[in-house]
Amino acid sequence: MLNEKKKEKKSKLSPLIIPNEQTPTKTTATTALPIDELEQNKKQARRETTLKAKDILSPLICKRKEITDEEILNILPILNEDAVSNNMWDAERVKKYLLRHDSNKKPENA
């Protein structure tokens, strides 16, 4: 008798998901989204800074004055020498790295 009730509950809880025939979809356990939306929601792979790149960038971090665009453009070929295609450096990425690793920052809780 209990087994029959469990079977009834299971059959009531699992409705069929019928995708819209007009747009191709990928179904997951919880939702059915059009493929375009799924591609937009993908995360970009995390890029890791190699030890070689850290060694190249460390003198720029220690500099007291602001780094010029010319200095950044001069180190880009060296940074990209051994870089994998999804881990290439550009001027914007170098600037962001230097801002995040600025040694002149004051600690927030000091």
C-alpha atoms as a PDB file:
ATOM      1  CA  MET A   1       0.000   0.000   0.000  1.00  0.00           C
ATOM      2  CA  LEU A   2       2.813   2.457   0.860  1.00  0.00           C
ATOM      3  CA  ASN A   3       4.671   1.494  -2.281  1.00  0.00           C
ATOM      4  CA  GLU A   4       1.636   2.317  -4.399  1.00  0.00           C
ATOM      5  CA  LYS A   5       1.351   5.786  -2.839  1.00  0.00           C
ATOM      6  CA  LYS A   6       5.053   6.454  -3.488  1.00  0.00           C
ATOM      7  CA  LYS A   7       4.660   5.418  -7.115  1.00  0.00           C
ATOM      8  CA  GLU A   8       1.665   7.731  -7.504  1.00  0.00           C
ATOM      9  CA  LYS A   9       3.598  10.673  -6.028  1.00  0.00           C
ATOM     10  CA  LYS A  10       6.579  10.016  -8.286  1.00  0.00           C
ATOM     11  CA  SER A  11       4.427   9.864 -11.390  1.00  0.00           C
ATOM     12  CA  LYS A  12       2.675  13.121 -10.432  1.00  0.00           C
ATOM     13  CA  LEU A  13       5.945  14.948  -9.702  1.00  0.00           C
ATOM     14  CA  SER A  14       7.752  14.210 -12.957  1.00  0.00           C
ATOM     15  CA  PRO A  15       5.973  16.043 -15.805  1.00  0.00           C
ATOM     16  CA  LEU A  16       7.325  15.773 -19.328  1.00  0.00           C
ATOM     17  CA  ILE A  17       9.275  18.732 -20.723  1.00  0.00           C
ATOM     18  CA  ILE A  18       8.300  19.366 -24.327  1.00  0.00           C
ATOM     19  CA  PRO A  19      10.706  21.761 -26.066  1.00  0.00           C
ATOM     20  CA  ASN A  20       9.431  24.446 -28.390  1.00  0.00           C
ATOM     21  CA  GLU A  21       9.675  23.138 -31.946  1.00  0.00           C
ATOM     22  CA  GLN A  22      10.533  26.548 -33.420  1.00  0.00           C
ATOM     23  CA  THR A  23      13.915  27.048 -31.704  1.00  0.00           C
ATOM     24  CA  PRO A  24      16.462  24.359 -30.851  1.00  0.00           C
ATOM     25  CA  THR A  25      16.932  23.978 -27.112  1.00  0.00           C
ATOM     26  CA  LYS A  26      19.079  22.186 -24.608  1.00  0.00           C
ATOM     27  CA  THR A  27      17.166  20.826 -21.679  1.00  0.00           C
ATOM     28  CA  THR A  28      18.556  20.563 -18.200  1.00  0.00           C
ATOM     29  CA  ALA A  29      17.033  19.205 -15.031  1.00  0.00           C
ATOM     30  CA  THR A  30      15.486  22.568 -14.184  1.00  0.00           C
ATOM     31  CA  THR A  31      15.081  24.640 -17.348  1.00  0.00           C
ATOM     32  CA  ALA A  32      14.880  24.603 -21.106  1.00  0.00           C
ATOM     33  CA  LEU A  33      16.747  27.550 -22.679  1.00  0.00           C
ATOM     34  CA  PRO A  34      17.384  28.387 -26.336  1.00  0.00           C
ATOM     35  CA  ILE A  35      20.952  27.567 -27.415  1.00  0.00           C
ATOM     36  CA  ASP A  36      21.769  31.277 -27.948  1.00  0.00           C
ATOM     37  CA  GLU A  37      21.050  32.051 -24.292  1.00  0.00           C
ATOM     38  CA  LEU A  38      23.159  29.097 -23.125  1.00  0.00           C
ATOM     39  CA  GLU A  39      26.144  30.284 -25.163  1.00  0.00           C
ATOM     40  CA  GLN A  40      25.857  33.782 -23.667  1.00  0.00           C
ATOM     41  CA  ASN A  41      25.789  32.381 -20.126  1.00  0.00           C
ATOM     42  CA  LYS A  42      29.054  30.450 -20.507  1.00  0.00           C
ATOM     43  CA  LYS A  43      31.864  31.704 -18.299  1.00  0.00           C
ATOM     44  CA  GLN A  44      35.155  32.748 -19.801  1.00  0.00           C
ATOM     45  CA  ALA A  45      37.988  30.431 -18.851  1.00  0.00           C
ATOM     46  CA  ARG A  46      40.203  31.821 -16.113  1.00  0.00           C
ATOM     47  CA  ARG A  47      43.574  33.018 -17.363  1.00  0.00           C
ATOM     48  CA  GLU A  48      46.533  32.307 -15.135  1.00  0.00           C
ATOM     49  CA  THR A  49      49.655  34.453 -14.981  1.00  0.00           C
ATOM     50  CA  THR A  50      52.781  32.400 -15.553  1.00  0.00           C
ATOM     51  CA  LEU A  51      55.905  32.759 -13.438  1.00  0.00           C
ATOM     52  CA  LYS A  52      57.721  34.207 -16.454  1.00  0.00           C
ATOM     53  CA  ALA A  53      55.033  36.880 -16.873  1.00  0.00           C
ATOM     54  CA  LYS A  54      55.165  37.689 -13.148  1.00  0.00           C
ATOM     55  CA  ASP A  55      58.939  38.128 -13.394  1.00  0.00           C
ATOM     56  CA  ILE A  56      58.532  40.483 -16.355  1.00  0.00           C
ATOM     57  CA  LEU A  57      55.788  42.529 -14.675  1.00  0.00           C
ATOM     58  CA  SER A  58      57.286  42.738 -11.170  1.00  0.00           C
ATOM     59  CA  PRO A  59      59.690  45.645 -11.950  1.00  0.00           C
ATOM     60  CA  LEU A  60      56.731  47.646 -13.278  1.00  0.00           C
ATOM     61  CA  ILE A  61      54.768  47.012 -10.082  1.00  0.00           C
ATOM     62  CA  CYS A  62      57.614  48.353  -7.958  1.00  0.00           C
ATOM     63  CA  LYS A  63      57.864  51.569  -9.996  1.00  0.00           C
ATOM     64  CA  ARG A  64      56.766  54.706  -8.152  1.00  0.00           C
ATOM     65  CA  LYS A  65      55.675  56.652 -11.251  1.00  0.00           C
ATOM     66  CA  GLU A  66      52.851  55.798 -13.600  1.00  0.00           C
ATOM     67  CA  ILE A  67      53.663  53.322 -16.361  1.00  0.00           C
ATOM     68  CA  THR A  68      53.400  54.743 -19.879  1.00  0.00           C
ATOM     69  CA  ASP A  69      51.626  53.099 -22.795  1.00  0.00           C
ATOM     70  CA  GLU A  70      54.970  52.895 -24.586  1.00  0.00           C
ATOM     71  CA  GLU A  71      56.472  50.823 -21.758  1.00  0.00           C
ATOM     72  CA  ILE A  72      53.496  48.479 -21.874  1.00  0.00           C
ATOM     73  CA  LEU A  73      53.747  48.100 -25.651  1.00  0.00           C
ATOM     74  CA  ASN A  74      57.455  47.289 -25.297  1.00  0.00           C
ATOM     75  CA  ILE A  75      56.838  44.357 -22.928  1.00  0.00           C
ATOM     76  CA  LEU A  76      53.833  42.870 -24.756  1.00  0.00           C
ATOM     77  CA  PRO A  77      55.908  40.839 -27.273  1.00  0.00           C
ATOM     78  CA  ILE A  78      57.962  39.380 -24.420  1.00  0.00           C
ATOM     79  CA  LEU A  79      54.823  38.475 -22.437  1.00  0.00           C
ATOM     80  CA  ASN A  80      53.178  36.837 -25.456  1.00  0.00           C
ATOM     81  CA  GLU A  81      56.279  34.871 -26.521  1.00  0.00           C
ATOM     82  CA  ASP A  82      55.240  31.600 -24.879  1.00  0.00           C
ATOM     83  CA  ALA A  83      51.594  32.433 -24.153  1.00  0.00           C
ATOM     84  CA  VAL A  84      48.820  30.048 -25.150  1.00  0.00           C
ATOM     85  CA  SER A  85      46.168  31.466 -27.491  1.00  0.00           C
ATOM     86  CA  ASN A  86      43.588  31.890 -24.702  1.00  0.00           C
ATOM     87  CA  ASN A  87      46.157  33.521 -22.410  1.00  0.00           C
ATOM     88  CA  MET A  88      47.460  36.365 -24.601  1.00  0.00           C
ATOM     89  CA  TRP A  89      48.392  39.708 -23.069  1.00  0.00           C
ATOM     90  CA  ASP A  90      47.195  43.099 -24.300  1.00  0.00           C
ATOM     91  CA  ALA A  91      47.657  46.634 -22.933  1.00  0.00           C
ATOM     92  CA  GLU A  92      44.357  46.549 -21.024  1.00  0.00           C
ATOM     93  CA  ARG A  93      45.192  43.252 -19.318  1.00  0.00           C
ATOM     94  CA  VAL A  94      48.637  44.562 -18.291  1.00  0.00           C
ATOM     95  CA  LYS A  95      47.086  47.722 -16.809  1.00  0.00           C
ATOM     96  CA  LYS A  96      44.531  45.700 -14.848  1.00  0.00           C
ATOM     97  CA  TYR A  97      47.246  43.367 -13.554  1.00  0.00           C
ATOM     98  CA  LEU A  98      49.375  46.309 -12.418  1.00  0.00           C
ATOM     99  CA  LEU A  99      46.402  47.939 -10.677  1.00  0.00           C
ATOM    100  CA  ARG A 100      45.557  44.733  -8.812  1.00  0.00           C
ATOM    101  CA  HIS A 101      49.143  44.156  -7.725  1.00  0.00           C
ATOM    102  CA  ASP A 102      50.083  47.750  -6.933  1.00  0.00           C
ATOM    103  CA  SER A 103      52.576  47.734  -4.053  1.00  0.00           C
ATOM    104  CA  ASN A 104      51.750  51.372  -3.234  1.00  0.00           C
ATOM    105  CA  LYS A 105      48.188  50.545  -2.195  1.00  0.00           C
ATOM    106  CA  LYS A 106      47.324  51.287   1.385  1.00  0.00           C
ATOM    107  CA  PRO A 107      45.778  48.383   3.287  1.00  0.00           C
ATOM    108  CA  GLU A 108      42.072  48.948   3.915  1.00  0.00           C
ATOM    109  CA  ASN A 109      42.207  48.004   7.614  1.00  0.00           C
ATOM    110  CA  ALA A 110      45.374  49.922   8.503  1.00  0.00           C
END
